[in-house]
Amino acid sequence: MTLLHLYVIFTLCCCGYALAAGGVTGRAGAAVILIKTVLDLSTAWIDYSWQGTMYPLLFIDVVCLACFMVLAMRSDRLWPLWAAGFQFVAVLIHLATFWQIDVAPKAYQALQQVWTIPMQLAMLSGIMADQRSRFAKGLFRREPDAG
């Protein structure tokens, strides 16, 4: 099993939990992450050289950052703010390749893609904390926005 397979399984598990237990915010965040993952994998499959700035991935990451920023501003949950922060770092890595054009392709790829894991962990831990809080308060049924 490759790292890509593990990443896809991890993403599906995190997003599946968010879709099931995350409320409106969790479902929106999971949708953003799933769409970003599909677009990233499709784009990287088409152009996998990583020689210089990957403009299609930069565009996808900027749109994803905007989505998480809007989600963070409209939600009373904290995890979208963390997800936006991790996504911002991913965008900055793309922008750094404008000035440092001789970045090793493997380093660029690894640095750009590593930030999706903490983004998903922030979503997962935020939703789990909300679930624990509701159970502690005796609210056992699902609330409209538990994300």
Protein backbone atom coordinates (compact mmCIF):
# COMPACT_ATOMS: atom_id res chain seq x y z
CA MET A 1 0.00 0.00 0.00
CA THR A 2 1.46 3.35 -1.02
CA LEU A 3 1.33 6.67 0.78
CA LEU A 4 -1.24 7.85 -1.74
CA HIS A 5 -3.56 4.97 -0.84
CA LEU A 6 -3.13 5.71 2.88
CA TYR A 7 -3.83 9.39 2.27
CA VAL A 8 -7.02 8.63 0.32
CA ILE A 9 -8.22 6.23 3.04
CA PHE A 10 -7.44 8.82 5.74
CA THR A 11 -9.26 11.53 3.79
CA LEU A 12 -12.32 9.35 3.22
CA CYS A 13 -12.44 8.39 6.92
CA CYS A 14 -12.09 11.99 8.15
CA CYS A 15 -14.59 13.37 5.68
CA GLY A 16 -16.99 10.48 6.25
CA TYR A 17 -17.00 11.22 9.97
CA ALA A 18 -17.45 14.94 9.26
CA LEU A 19 -20.38 14.23 6.95
CA ALA A 20 -22.00 11.94 9.52
CA ALA A 21 -21.40 13.88 12.73
CA GLY A 22 -20.22 17.34 11.77
CA GLY A 23 -23.36 19.34 11.26
CA VAL A 24 -23.52 22.11 8.66
CA THR A 25 -19.96 23.33 9.22
CA GLY A 26 -18.52 19.82 9.22
CA ARG A 27 -20.32 18.86 6.03
CA ALA A 28 -19.19 22.04 4.28
CA GLY A 29 -15.59 21.51 5.40
CA ALA A 30 -15.66 17.88 4.32
CA ALA A 31 -17.02 18.89 0.91
CA VAL A 32 -14.21 21.43 0.46
CA ILE A 33 -11.58 18.86 1.42
CA LEU A 34 -13.05 16.13 -0.80
CA ILE A 35 -13.32 18.44 -3.82
CA LYS A 36 -9.80 19.75 -3.21
CA THR A 37 -8.45 16.21 -2.96
CA VAL A 38 -10.08 15.08 -6.20
CA LEU A 39 -8.90 18.20 -8.06
CA ASP A 40 -5.37 17.96 -6.61
CA LEU A 41 -5.02 14.31 -7.57
CA SER A 42 -6.40 14.96 -11.07
CA THR A 43 -4.13 17.94 -11.63
CA ALA A 44 -1.03 16.21 -10.27
CA TRP A 45 -1.78 13.19 -12.45
CA ILE A 46 -1.88 15.39 -15.56
CA ASP A 47 1.31 17.33 -14.72
CA TYR A 48 3.43 15.47 -12.22
CA SER A 49 6.78 17.13 -12.95
CA TRP A 50 6.65 19.72 -10.12
CA GLN A 51 9.19 21.77 -12.09
CA GLY A 52 8.41 25.32 -11.04
CA THR A 53 5.16 26.73 -9.72
CA MET A 54 2.18 24.46 -10.25
CA TYR A 55 -0.35 27.11 -11.28
CA PRO A 56 -3.42 24.83 -11.39
CA LEU A 57 -2.68 23.63 -7.85
CA LEU A 58 -2.07 27.20 -6.74
CA PHE A 59 -5.51 28.16 -8.07
CA ILE A 60 -7.15 25.18 -6.33
CA ASP A 61 -5.41 26.04 -3.06
CA VAL A 62 -6.40 29.72 -3.24
CA VAL A 63 -10.05 28.77 -3.83
CA CYS A 64 -9.87 26.27 -0.95
CA LEU A 65 -8.36 28.96 1.28
CA ALA A 66 -11.19 31.34 0.38
CA CYS A 67 -13.76 28.63 1.18
CA PHE A 68 -12.24 27.95 4.60
CA MET A 69 -12.00 31.67 5.34
CA VAL A 70 -15.70 32.13 4.55
CA LEU A 71 -16.52 29.03 6.60
CA ALA A 72 -14.47 30.35 9.52
CA MET A 73 -16.20 33.74 9.41
CA ARG A 74 -19.72 32.28 9.24
CA SER A 75 -19.29 29.50 11.79
CA ASP A 76 -19.05 29.60 15.56
CA ARG A 77 -16.61 26.67 15.47
CA LEU A 78 -12.85 27.12 15.78
CA TRP A 79 -11.56 24.34 13.56
CA PRO A 80 -12.33 26.14 10.25
CA LEU A 81 -9.97 28.91 11.36
CA TRP A 82 -7.21 26.35 11.91
CA ALA A 83 -7.98 24.72 8.56
CA ALA A 84 -7.75 28.12 6.86
CA GLY A 85 -4.39 28.71 8.56
CA PHE A 86 -2.98 25.40 7.34
CA GLN A 87 -4.32 26.11 3.85
CA PHE A 88 -2.71 29.56 3.95
CA VAL A 89 0.68 27.92 4.53
CA ALA A 90 0.07 25.67 1.50
CA VAL A 91 -0.62 28.77 -0.62
CA LEU A 92 2.52 30.47 0.71
CA ILE A 93 4.61 27.49 -0.37
CA HIS A 94 3.32 27.94 -3.92
CA LEU A 95 4.11 31.66 -3.78
CA ALA A 96 7.63 30.93 -2.51
CA THR A 97 8.35 29.11 -5.77
CA PHE A 98 7.99 32.45 -7.59
CA TRP A 99 11.16 33.67 -5.91
CA GLN A 100 13.00 30.39 -5.39
CA ILE A 101 12.61 28.90 -8.85
CA ASP A 102 15.16 26.11 -8.42
CA VAL A 103 13.29 24.28 -5.66
CA ALA A 104 13.75 20.52 -5.80
CA PRO A 105 10.54 19.00 -7.19
CA LYS A 106 10.25 16.41 -4.41
CA ALA A 107 10.67 19.08 -1.72
CA TYR A 108 8.05 21.31 -3.35
CA GLN A 109 5.61 18.42 -3.65
CA ALA A 110 6.16 17.25 -0.07
CA LEU A 111 5.93 20.72 1.46
CA GLN A 112 2.82 21.61 -0.50
CA GLN A 113 0.94 18.41 0.23
CA VAL A 114 1.87 17.90 3.88
CA TRP A 115 -0.53 20.63 5.06
CA THR A 116 -3.64 18.68 4.12
CA ILE A 117 -3.07 16.25 7.00
CA PRO A 118 -3.16 18.87 9.81
CA MET A 119 -6.12 20.52 8.07
CA GLN A 120 -8.07 17.27 8.24
CA LEU A 121 -6.92 16.59 11.80
CA ALA A 122 -8.15 20.06 12.84
CA MET A 123 -11.55 19.28 11.33
CA LEU A 124 -11.68 15.85 12.94
CA SER A 125 -10.59 17.00 16.40
CA GLY A 126 -12.94 20.01 16.31
CA ILE A 127 -15.94 17.87 15.45
CA MET A 128 -14.99 15.29 18.08
CA ALA A 129 -14.64 18.03 20.72
CA ASP A 130 -18.09 19.34 19.81
CA GLN A 131 -19.51 15.83 20.11
CA ARG A 132 -17.93 15.32 23.55
CA SER A 133 -19.22 18.69 24.71
CA ARG A 134 -22.77 17.88 23.65
CA PHE A 135 -22.67 14.48 25.33
CA ALA A 136 -21.34 16.06 28.54
CA LYS A 137 -24.24 18.53 28.50
CA GLY A 138 -26.74 15.74 27.95
CA LEU A 139 -27.58 16.74 24.39
CA PHE A 140 -27.58 13.33 22.75
CA ARG A 141 -29.37 14.17 19.56
CA ARG A 142 -27.73 15.78 16.61
CA GLU A 143 -27.79 19.57 16.48
CA PRO A 144 -28.09 21.45 13.18
CA ASP A 145 -24.55 22.87 13.33
CA ALA A 146 -22.24 20.56 15.23
CA GLY A 147 -19.20 21.14 13.01
